[in-house]
């Protein structure tokens, strides 16, 4: 396996909208392409299975998507 030592950026399509996923040694970030603000989660939070963080992240994504504030 190749160790992740620097950020890896990839573009993905979600429901016809371009997003950028950045996978780094610290965690994961998802943003709408062309925007700066996005949604982040650290690897520690993901591994811990922190349900509160996952719930809050999903609620935030839905609220931003519905209001158009991205």
Protein backbone atom coordinates (compact mmCIF):
# COMPACT_ATOMS: atom_id res chain seq x y z
CA UNK A 1 0.00 0.00 0.00
CA UNK A 2 1.03 3.57 -0.66
CA UNK A 3 1.02 5.77 2.43
CA UNK A 4 -1.13 8.92 2.21
CA UNK A 5 1.31 11.75 2.89
CA UNK A 6 -0.23 14.68 1.01
CA UNK A 7 -3.76 15.67 -0.03
CA UNK A 8 -5.36 13.80 -2.91
CA UNK A 9 -8.03 15.74 -4.84
CA UNK A 10 -10.65 14.20 -7.10
CA UNK A 11 -13.75 15.54 -8.81
CA UNK A 12 -16.98 13.60 -8.47
CA UNK A 13 -20.49 14.13 -9.80
CA UNK A 14 -23.33 14.09 -7.26
CA UNK A 15 -26.80 14.43 -8.77
CA UNK A 16 -25.40 16.30 -11.78
CA UNK A 17 -23.36 18.75 -9.68
CA UNK A 18 -19.55 18.75 -9.64
CA UNK A 19 -17.93 18.32 -6.21
CA UNK A 20 -14.33 18.01 -5.09
CA UNK A 21 -13.25 15.38 -2.59
CA UNK A 22 -9.96 15.96 -0.77
CA UNK A 23 -8.53 13.00 1.08
CA UNK A 24 -5.66 13.99 3.36
CA UNK A 25 -3.75 12.45 6.25
CA UNK A 26 -6.03 14.48 8.57
CA UNK A 27 -9.40 13.48 7.10
CA UNK A 28 -11.90 13.96 4.31
CA UNK A 29 -13.40 17.16 2.86
CA UNK A 30 -16.23 17.51 0.34
CA UNK A 31 -16.98 20.83 -1.37
CA UNK A 32 -19.00 22.01 -4.34
CA UNK A 33 -16.57 22.66 -7.19
CA UNK A 34 -15.58 26.32 -7.26
CA UNK A 35 -16.50 26.94 -3.61
CA UNK A 36 -14.18 27.13 -0.62
CA UNK A 37 -16.44 26.06 2.20
CA UNK A 38 -17.22 22.41 2.47
CA UNK A 39 -17.91 19.60 4.88
CA UNK A 40 -15.05 17.97 6.75
CA UNK A 41 -14.65 14.96 8.98
CA UNK A 42 -11.45 13.74 10.60
CA UNK A 43 -10.33 10.14 10.38
CA UNK A 44 -10.51 9.89 14.19
CA UNK A 45 -14.18 10.87 14.18
CA UNK A 46 -14.92 8.46 11.38
CA UNK A 47 -13.12 5.55 13.07
CA UNK A 48 -14.81 6.27 16.40
CA UNK A 49 -18.15 5.95 14.64
CA UNK A 50 -19.25 9.19 16.18
CA UNK A 51 -22.94 9.11 15.27
CA UNK A 52 -23.55 12.68 16.45
CA UNK A 53 -20.98 14.07 14.02
CA UNK A 54 -22.31 12.01 11.13
CA UNK A 55 -25.87 13.12 11.90
CA UNK A 56 -24.84 16.77 12.14
CA UNK A 57 -22.86 16.53 8.90
CA UNK A 58 -25.79 14.98 7.03
CA UNK A 59 -28.20 17.59 8.39
CA UNK A 60 -25.81 20.37 7.37
CA UNK A 61 -25.43 18.99 3.85
CA UNK A 62 -29.20 18.72 3.43
CA UNK A 63 -29.83 22.23 4.81
CA UNK A 64 -27.21 23.78 2.50
CA UNK A 65 -28.49 21.87 -0.51
CA UNK A 66 -32.12 22.87 0.08
CA UNK A 67 -31.36 26.55 0.72
CA UNK A 68 -28.76 26.90 -2.03
CA UNK A 69 -26.18 28.32 0.41
CA UNK A 70 -23.09 26.55 -0.85
